[in-house]
């Protein structure tokens, strides 16, 4: 960390002192392609919690500019400093001196050639790197280009959209372009769909396949626009209105008492983490018939308020402990879509027998791998039981929750 920090400091100091000689104080970098800035400097400094100077958020890609100036030259992806120099008939003796010095000197010569009267090229549209990920809603009516979407697998289950944006630091994610995937129980499954601003950024994202997020490596694959819309797209006006307050931090609350009111939730959160818009910043998740599910989403205007709220994870409201997690606009859409599609009257199996989906059966013998729950509320369902089991849910076998029903 000390090496890269020292390098960046020396670089800024050197450039600034050189500019003073010419009476200037602003400049724009010109790089050989985008890999050094997007795939090295931004992700590495992000991992080490170092701040990059503004000059690294706007730069010119010499390969693109060269192809614009000389359309008959090689395609951008095939360009190198050597091929550009050879196209202009410049010397390419890379052994003359230090290779890095040769590269920089040759780039300068190429740029002067492009700026000459014969070519008169103008550098007008620099590449940009987004300073931060922008949250926002996505409608199912949108058109999403499949060449801009990837699927990331192996994410830590508690990862937020900001964590994923940090993993792809240096690449431009579309507004509201991170969609965390949920399993059948409404819990995150370690996957996310990410939408980038264009196919070029998506292709750079694919190169981060098996890069690490903490101690885990993340798999990155191509995905489709249809898959993204299925996860992130919404149709509810209520959700659209809730998410219309942009650049808010979203927190998901689980396990709320079914009798909890907006005042109860605001009182639970307290004055140290004020909710954006008060009651307008709360969204209770309900079944189609209006019954509460015990889930709610909350908006906060800044990271500080959100962190204060997360400190209340597993504190008690009424007689229940409340779980709080960072969430995303796409997760709000998914959860609402899931509950709104739940039938009002589920089909009941034959009375007085346990619900045991095949091929699983309740085995007899000495193996003690089951627990029995008694005293459940009559309104409790499988989702409620999974919520109650908390982290142990990951160890429950598929179809491993068996509800014993009476004749009613």
Protein backbone atom coordinates (compact mmCIF):
# COMPACT_ATOMS: atom_id res chain seq x y z
CA UNK A 1 0.00 0.00 0.00
CA UNK A 2 2.86 2.35 0.85
CA UNK A 3 4.39 1.88 -2.61
CA UNK A 4 1.30 2.82 -4.60
CA UNK A 5 0.49 5.69 -2.24
CA UNK A 6 4.03 7.06 -2.59
CA UNK A 7 3.90 6.69 -6.38
CA UNK A 8 0.61 8.60 -6.69
CA UNK A 9 1.87 11.40 -4.44
CA UNK A 10 5.12 11.76 -6.39
CA UNK A 11 3.27 11.69 -9.72
CA UNK A 12 0.86 14.49 -8.72
CA UNK A 13 3.68 16.58 -7.27
CA UNK A 14 5.84 16.17 -10.39
CA UNK A 15 3.05 17.04 -12.83
CA UNK A 16 1.92 20.02 -10.75
CA UNK A 17 5.45 21.45 -10.55
CA UNK A 18 5.94 21.04 -14.31
CA UNK A 19 2.63 22.79 -15.04
CA UNK A 20 3.61 25.78 -12.89
CA UNK A 21 6.54 26.40 -15.24
CA UNK A 22 4.03 26.95 -18.05
CA UNK A 23 1.60 28.90 -15.88
CA UNK A 24 -1.02 26.11 -15.96
CA UNK A 25 -2.77 24.19 -13.20
CA UNK A 26 -5.18 21.82 -15.00
CA UNK A 27 -4.48 18.84 -17.22
CA UNK A 28 -6.03 15.64 -18.64
CA UNK A 29 -4.21 12.33 -18.82
CA UNK A 30 -3.81 10.39 -22.07
CA UNK A 31 -3.29 6.66 -21.58
CA UNK A 32 -2.35 3.71 -23.76
CA UNK A 33 -5.77 2.05 -23.63
CA UNK A 34 -7.96 1.81 -20.55
CA UNK A 35 -6.59 -1.14 -18.61
CA UNK A 36 -4.08 0.74 -16.45
CA UNK A 37 -6.62 3.25 -15.14
CA UNK A 38 -9.81 1.16 -15.06
CA UNK A 39 -8.45 -2.30 -14.23
CA UNK A 40 -5.42 -1.44 -12.08
CA UNK A 41 -5.41 1.97 -10.41
CA UNK A 42 -9.09 2.22 -9.46
CA UNK A 43 -9.62 -1.33 -8.12
CA UNK A 44 -6.25 -1.45 -6.33
CA UNK A 45 -6.63 1.91 -4.60
CA UNK A 46 -10.21 0.99 -3.67
CA UNK A 47 -9.03 -2.23 -2.00
CA UNK A 48 -6.44 -0.24 -0.04
CA UNK A 49 -8.88 2.59 0.83
CA UNK A 50 -6.76 5.17 -0.98
CA UNK A 51 -8.28 8.24 -2.62
CA UNK A 52 -7.42 8.88 -6.26
CA UNK A 53 -6.95 12.39 -7.57
CA UNK A 54 -9.64 13.82 -9.86
CA UNK A 55 -7.28 13.50 -12.84
CA UNK A 56 -7.79 9.71 -12.83
CA UNK A 57 -11.55 10.04 -13.34
CA UNK A 58 -11.27 11.66 -16.78
CA UNK A 59 -8.73 10.67 -19.42
CA UNK A 60 -8.19 10.16 -23.14
CA UNK A 61 -7.73 6.68 -24.58
CA UNK A 62 -4.93 7.12 -27.14
CA UNK A 63 -5.94 3.95 -28.99
CA UNK A 64 -9.49 5.23 -29.56
CA UNK A 65 -8.33 8.73 -30.45
CA UNK A 66 -5.78 7.32 -32.91
CA UNK A 67 -8.39 5.18 -34.68
CA UNK A 68 -10.69 8.21 -34.91
CA UNK A 69 -7.88 10.26 -36.41
CA UNK A 70 -6.73 7.44 -38.72
CA UNK A 71 -9.82 5.29 -39.54
CA UNK A 72 -7.80 3.00 -41.82
CA UNK A 73 -5.51 1.94 -38.96
CA UNK A 74 -5.98 -1.28 -37.00
CA UNK A 75 -9.09 -1.82 -34.86
CA UNK A 76 -8.93 -0.26 -31.40
CA UNK A 77 -8.61 -3.64 -29.66
CA UNK A 78 -5.58 -4.48 -31.83
CA UNK A 79 -3.77 -1.19 -31.36
CA UNK A 80 -0.51 -0.92 -29.43
CA UNK A 81 2.03 1.85 -29.14
CA UNK A 82 4.23 -0.07 -31.56
CA UNK A 83 1.51 -0.54 -34.22
CA UNK A 84 0.52 3.14 -33.98
CA UNK A 85 4.14 4.21 -34.36
CA UNK A 86 4.66 1.87 -37.32
CA UNK A 87 1.49 3.20 -38.99
CA UNK A 88 3.01 6.69 -38.82
CA UNK A 89 6.38 5.43 -40.00
CA UNK A 90 8.09 6.22 -36.71
CA UNK A 91 11.10 4.31 -35.38
CA UNK A 92 10.22 1.39 -33.12
CA UNK A 93 13.56 0.41 -31.63
CA UNK A 94 12.29 -0.53 -28.18
CA UNK A 95 15.78 -1.50 -27.01
CA UNK A 96 17.15 2.04 -27.18
CA UNK A 97 16.50 2.72 -23.50
CA UNK A 98 14.21 1.84 -20.63
CA UNK A 99 11.02 0.34 -22.10
CA UNK A 100 8.69 2.58 -20.05
CA UNK A 101 10.58 5.70 -21.13
CA UNK A 102 10.41 4.54 -24.77
CA UNK A 103 6.64 4.06 -24.46
CA UNK A 104 6.05 7.55 -23.08
CA UNK A 105 8.32 9.25 -25.62
CA UNK A 106 6.64 7.38 -28.48
CA UNK A 107 3.16 8.31 -27.20
CA UNK A 108 4.21 11.97 -27.14
CA UNK A 109 5.43 11.74 -30.75
CA UNK A 110 2.16 10.06 -31.82
CA UNK A 111 0.09 12.77 -30.11
CA UNK A 112 2.10 15.58 -31.77
CA UNK A 113 1.58 13.86 -35.12
CA UNK A 114 -2.18 13.77 -34.51
CA UNK A 115 -2.20 17.46 -33.54
CA UNK A 116 -0.20 18.53 -36.61
CA UNK A 117 -1.73 20.50 -39.47
CA UNK A 118 -1.86 17.38 -41.64
CA UNK A 119 -4.27 15.69 -39.25
CA UNK A 120 -5.52 18.52 -37.01
CA UNK A 121 -7.10 16.07 -34.56
CA UNK A 122 -9.03 17.57 -31.63
CA UNK A 123 -9.25 15.78 -28.26
CA UNK A 124 -12.81 16.61 -27.19
CA UNK A 125 -14.57 13.63 -25.53
CA UNK A 126 -12.56 12.12 -22.68
CA UNK A 127 -13.32 8.77 -21.08
CA UNK A 128 -14.90 9.12 -17.66
CA UNK A 129 -14.96 6.96 -14.55
CA UNK A 130 -17.99 7.35 -12.30
CA UNK A 131 -17.17 8.65 -8.84
CA UNK A 132 -19.84 6.53 -7.20
CA UNK A 133 -22.60 4.07 -7.96
CA UNK A 134 -26.04 5.69 -8.42
CA UNK A 135 -29.08 3.85 -7.12
CA UNK A 136 -32.47 4.00 -8.81
CA UNK A 137 -35.55 1.99 -9.84
CA UNK A 138 -35.96 -0.06 -13.00
CA UNK A 139 -39.23 -0.59 -14.85
CA UNK A 140 -40.18 -3.84 -16.57
CA UNK A 141 -41.03 -1.74 -19.63
CA UNK A 142 -37.39 -0.68 -20.07
CA UNK A 143 -35.22 -2.16 -22.80
CA UNK A 144 -31.99 -3.63 -21.43
CA UNK A 145 -29.23 -4.53 -23.91
CA UNK A 146 -28.01 -8.08 -23.22
CA UNK A 147 -24.49 -6.98 -24.19
CA UNK A 148 -24.33 -4.84 -21.04
CA UNK A 149 -25.26 -7.41 -18.34
CA UNK A 150 -23.17 -9.86 -16.29
CA UNK A 151 -23.94 -12.37 -13.54
CA UNK A 152 -21.63 -12.42 -10.50
CA UNK A 153 -21.55 -15.59 -8.36
CA UNK A 154 -19.97 -16.47 -5.03
CA UNK A 155 -20.76 -13.18 -3.30
CA UNK A 156 -20.77 -13.06 0.50
CA UNK A 157 -24.46 -13.26 1.47
CA UNK A 158 -24.34 -9.93 3.29
CA UNK A 159 -22.95 -8.05 0.25
CA UNK A 160 -24.71 -4.81 -0.64
CA UNK A 161 -24.98 -3.04 -3.98
CA UNK A 162 -22.20 -0.70 -2.85
CA UNK A 163 -19.93 -3.67 -2.09
CA UNK A 164 -20.52 -5.02 -5.60
CA UNK A 165 -19.94 -1.59 -7.15
CA UNK A 166 -16.67 -1.45 -5.23
CA UNK A 167 -15.66 -4.85 -6.64
CA UNK A 168 -16.17 -3.39 -10.14
CA UNK A 169 -14.52 -0.06 -9.23
CA UNK A 170 -13.23 1.75 -12.31
CA UNK A 171 -16.04 0.45 -14.52
CA UNK A 172 -19.25 2.39 -15.11
CA UNK A 173 -22.34 0.60 -13.79
CA UNK A 174 -25.68 1.89 -15.09
CA UNK A 175 -27.91 3.77 -12.69
CA UNK A 176 -29.72 1.22 -10.52
CA UNK A 177 -27.73 -1.48 -12.30
CA UNK A 178 -26.98 -3.81 -9.37
CA UNK A 179 -29.67 -6.46 -8.72
CA UNK A 180 -29.08 -8.91 -5.87
CA UNK A 181 -30.73 -12.29 -6.49
CA UNK A 182 -32.97 -13.94 -3.90
CA UNK A 183 -33.73 -17.62 -3.35
CA UNK A 184 -37.17 -19.19 -2.93
CA UNK A 185 -37.21 -18.13 0.73
CA UNK A 186 -36.52 -14.51 -0.16
CA UNK A 187 -32.93 -14.65 1.05
CA UNK A 188 -29.88 -13.65 -0.95
CA UNK A 189 -28.25 -16.55 -2.75
CA UNK A 190 -24.79 -15.12 -3.37
CA UNK A 191 -25.54 -14.00 -6.93
CA UNK A 192 -26.15 -10.61 -8.52
CA UNK A 193 -26.91 -9.29 -11.98
CA UNK A 194 -25.02 -6.13 -12.90
CA UNK A 195 -25.86 -3.83 -15.79
CA UNK A 196 -23.13 -1.59 -17.25
CA UNK A 197 -23.48 1.55 -19.35
CA UNK A 198 -22.23 -0.13 -22.53
CA UNK A 199 -20.81 -3.37 -23.93
CA UNK A 200 -17.21 -2.14 -23.60
CA UNK A 201 -17.59 -1.76 -19.85
CA UNK A 202 -19.31 -5.18 -19.68
CA UNK A 203 -16.37 -6.81 -21.48
CA UNK A 204 -13.93 -5.25 -19.02
CA UNK A 205 -16.10 -6.58 -16.17
CA UNK A 206 -15.84 -10.11 -17.57
CA UNK A 207 -12.07 -9.85 -17.18
CA UNK A 208 -12.56 -9.71 -13.40
CA UNK A 209 -13.66 -13.34 -13.39
CA UNK A 210 -12.22 -15.03 -10.27
CA UNK A 211 -10.90 -11.79 -8.79
CA UNK A 212 -11.31 -11.60 -5.03
CA UNK A 213 -13.82 -9.83 -2.81
CA UNK A 214 -12.19 -10.19 0.57
CA UNK A 215 -11.18 -13.83 0.90
CA UNK A 216 -13.64 -15.11 -1.73
CA UNK A 217 -13.15 -15.19 -5.48
CA UNK A 218 -16.10 -14.04 -7.58
CA UNK A 219 -17.18 -15.75 -10.79
CA UNK A 220 -18.32 -13.39 -13.57
CA UNK A 221 -20.37 -14.58 -16.55
CA UNK A 222 -22.44 -13.08 -19.34
CA UNK A 223 -26.17 -12.63 -18.66
CA UNK A 224 -29.15 -11.27 -20.60
CA UNK A 225 -31.30 -8.18 -20.41
CA UNK A 226 -34.34 -10.39 -19.82
CA UNK A 227 -32.69 -11.92 -16.76
CA UNK A 228 -31.92 -8.48 -15.38
CA UNK A 229 -35.49 -7.24 -15.86
CA UNK A 230 -36.88 -10.39 -14.24
CA UNK A 231 -34.90 -9.57 -11.10
CA UNK A 232 -34.82 -5.77 -11.07
CA UNK A 233 -37.90 -4.71 -13.05
CA UNK A 234 -40.97 -3.47 -11.23
CA UNK A 235 -44.52 -2.48 -12.05
CA UNK A 236 -45.83 -1.20 -8.70
CA UNK A 237 -46.57 2.53 -8.52
CA UNK A 238 -46.12 2.37 -4.76
CA UNK A 239 -42.58 1.02 -5.16
CA UNK A 240 -41.77 3.53 -7.91
CA UNK A 241 -42.88 6.38 -5.65
CA UNK A 242 -40.88 4.97 -2.72
CA UNK A 243 -37.74 4.70 -4.87
CA UNK A 244 -38.21 8.07 -6.56
CA UNK A 245 -36.07 9.67 -3.83
CA UNK A 246 -32.72 9.04 -5.49
CA UNK A 247 -29.31 8.46 -3.91
CA UNK A 248 -30.80 7.10 -0.72
CA UNK A 249 -29.38 4.23 1.32
CA UNK A 250 -31.96 1.43 1.60
CA UNK A 251 -32.21 -0.80 4.67
CA UNK A 252 -34.39 -3.91 4.82
CA UNK A 253 -36.09 -4.82 8.11
CA UNK A 254 -37.26 -8.41 8.71
CA UNK A 255 -39.22 -10.01 11.51
CA UNK A 256 -41.45 -7.04 12.38
CA UNK A 257 -44.49 -7.83 14.54
CA UNK A 258 -47.55 -8.01 12.32
CA UNK A 259 -49.13 -5.29 14.47
CA UNK A 260 -46.18 -2.90 14.03
CA UNK A 261 -47.13 0.58 12.84
CA UNK A 262 -45.11 3.29 11.11
CA UNK A 263 -44.79 5.06 14.46
CA UNK A 264 -43.45 1.86 16.05
CA UNK A 265 -40.75 1.52 13.39
CA UNK A 266 -39.75 5.20 13.58
CA UNK A 267 -39.56 4.91 17.37
CA UNK A 268 -37.46 1.73 17.11
CA UNK A 269 -34.97 3.47 14.79
CA UNK A 270 -34.81 6.57 16.99
CA UNK A 271 -33.55 10.13 16.40
CA UNK A 272 -29.96 9.02 15.70
CA UNK A 273 -31.01 7.55 12.34
CA UNK A 274 -33.80 9.76 10.93
CA UNK A 275 -35.78 8.25 8.08
CA UNK A 276 -35.95 10.26 4.85
CA UNK A 277 -39.35 11.93 4.70
CA UNK A 278 -40.48 10.34 7.97
CA UNK A 279 -43.38 7.97 7.23
CA UNK A 280 -42.88 8.48 3.47
CA UNK A 281 -39.49 6.77 3.82
CA UNK A 282 -41.09 3.53 5.06
CA UNK A 283 -42.47 0.81 2.81
CA UNK A 284 -44.24 -2.13 4.49
CA UNK A 285 -44.35 -5.34 2.44
CA UNK A 286 -47.81 -6.89 2.41
CA UNK A 287 -49.65 -9.82 0.89
CA UNK A 288 -52.20 -9.05 -1.85
CA UNK A 289 -55.02 -9.06 0.74
CA UNK A 290 -53.23 -6.43 2.83
CA UNK A 291 -51.86 -8.72 5.54
CA UNK A 292 -48.37 -7.71 6.75
CA UNK A 293 -45.44 -10.01 5.97
CA UNK A 294 -43.12 -8.70 8.68
CA UNK A 295 -40.82 -7.08 6.11
CA UNK A 296 -40.26 -3.39 5.52
CA UNK A 297 -37.83 -1.14 3.66
CA UNK A 298 -36.46 2.14 5.00
CA UNK A 299 -34.74 5.07 3.26
CA UNK A 300 -31.85 7.02 4.78
CA UNK A 301 -30.26 10.11 3.28
CA UNK A 302 -26.67 9.22 4.15
CA UNK A 303 -24.33 6.39 5.09
CA UNK A 304 -24.01 7.61 8.69
CA UNK A 305 -27.73 7.26 9.40
CA UNK A 306 -27.81 3.84 7.73
CA UNK A 307 -24.88 2.60 9.82
CA UNK A 308 -26.61 3.80 12.99
CA UNK A 309 -29.68 1.81 11.96
CA UNK A 310 -27.64 -1.35 11.26
CA UNK A 311 -26.32 -1.22 14.82
CA UNK A 312 -29.87 -2.09 15.91
CA UNK A 313 -29.66 -5.49 14.18
CA UNK A 314 -31.41 -8.10 16.36
CA UNK A 315 -32.69 -5.55 18.88
CA UNK A 316 -36.22 -6.13 20.19
CA UNK A 317 -39.41 -4.49 18.94
CA UNK A 318 -42.45 -5.71 20.83
CA UNK A 319 -41.58 -9.33 21.55
CA UNK A 320 -39.54 -9.99 18.41
CA UNK A 321 -35.95 -9.29 17.46
CA UNK A 322 -35.56 -7.37 14.22
CA UNK A 323 -33.04 -8.14 11.49
CA UNK A 324 -31.62 -5.22 9.51
CA UNK A 325 -29.63 -5.50 6.27
CA UNK A 326 -28.42 -3.16 3.56
CA UNK A 327 -30.67 -3.47 0.54
CA UNK A 328 -31.10 -2.26 -3.03
CA UNK A 329 -33.82 -0.91 -5.29
CA UNK A 330 -33.80 -4.23 -7.16
CA UNK A 331 -34.30 -6.18 -3.93
CA UNK A 332 -37.29 -3.98 -3.07
CA UNK A 333 -38.78 -4.87 -6.46
CA UNK A 334 -38.07 -8.58 -6.04
CA UNK A 335 -39.56 -8.83 -2.56
CA UNK A 336 -42.69 -6.90 -3.53
CA UNK A 337 -43.10 -8.93 -6.74
CA UNK A 338 -42.68 -12.19 -4.81
CA UNK A 339 -45.29 -11.42 -2.17
CA UNK A 340 -47.75 -9.83 -4.56
CA UNK A 341 -47.73 -13.02 -6.65
CA UNK A 342 -48.44 -15.23 -3.60
CA UNK A 343 -51.94 -16.81 -3.78
CA UNK A 344 -54.37 -15.50 -1.18
CA UNK A 345 -55.59 -19.01 -0.27
CA UNK A 346 -52.85 -21.62 -0.58
CA UNK A 347 -53.91 -25.13 -1.53
CA UNK A 348 -53.99 -27.31 1.59
CA UNK A 349 -52.90 -30.95 1.52
CA UNK A 350 -54.94 -33.79 2.94
CA UNK A 351 -55.76 -32.96 6.60
CA UNK A 352 -54.07 -34.46 9.65
CA UNK A 353 -50.88 -35.54 7.90
CA UNK A 354 -47.54 -33.76 7.74
CA UNK A 355 -46.68 -32.02 4.49
CA UNK A 356 -43.77 -34.13 3.21
CA UNK A 357 -42.86 -33.37 -0.42
CA UNK A 358 -41.28 -36.40 -2.10
CA UNK A 359 -38.67 -37.80 -2.19
CA UNK A 360 -38.03 -36.78 1.43
CA UNK A 361 -39.55 -38.74 4.27
CA UNK A 362 -39.28 -38.53 8.02
CA UNK A 363 -36.83 -41.27 8.83
CA UNK A 364 -36.90 -43.36 11.97
CA UNK A 365 -33.83 -44.42 13.87
CA UNK A 366 -31.18 -42.88 16.06
CA UNK A 367 -30.06 -40.02 13.76
CA UNK A 368 -30.80 -36.75 15.56
CA UNK A 369 -30.80 -34.19 12.74
CA UNK A 370 -34.26 -32.67 13.26
CA UNK A 371 -35.78 -30.13 15.62
CA UNK A 372 -39.44 -29.75 16.53
CA UNK A 373 -41.06 -26.36 16.96
CA UNK A 374 -44.13 -26.01 19.17
CA UNK A 375 -46.29 -23.05 20.06
CA UNK A 376 -46.15 -21.45 16.60
CA UNK A 377 -48.63 -18.64 15.84
CA UNK A 378 -51.51 -19.97 13.77
CA UNK A 379 -50.62 -17.49 11.03
CA UNK A 380 -47.00 -18.69 10.78
CA UNK A 381 -45.87 -20.06 7.42
CA UNK A 382 -42.68 -21.63 6.10
CA UNK A 383 -41.14 -18.20 5.41
CA UNK A 384 -41.76 -17.20 9.03
CA UNK A 385 -40.05 -20.36 10.28
CA UNK A 386 -37.05 -19.79 8.02
CA UNK A 387 -36.81 -16.20 9.28
CA UNK A 388 -36.95 -17.46 12.86
CA UNK A 389 -34.13 -19.95 12.21
CA UNK A 390 -31.86 -17.10 11.07
CA UNK A 391 -28.39 -18.14 9.91
CA UNK A 392 -29.21 -21.82 10.49
CA UNK A 393 -31.51 -21.67 7.45
CA UNK A 394 -28.54 -22.38 5.20
CA UNK A 395 -28.20 -25.83 6.80
CA UNK A 396 -31.84 -26.87 6.30
CA UNK A 397 -32.30 -29.49 3.59
CA UNK A 398 -34.42 -28.61 0.54
CA UNK A 399 -38.12 -29.03 1.47
CA UNK A 400 -36.86 -29.71 4.99
CA UNK A 401 -39.58 -27.75 6.80
CA UNK A 402 -42.65 -29.94 7.40
CA UNK A 403 -45.83 -28.21 8.55
CA UNK A 404 -48.17 -30.41 10.58
CA UNK A 405 -51.75 -29.31 9.88
CA UNK A 406 -55.04 -30.12 11.58
CA UNK A 407 -58.43 -30.39 9.90
CA UNK A 408 -58.68 -26.60 9.68
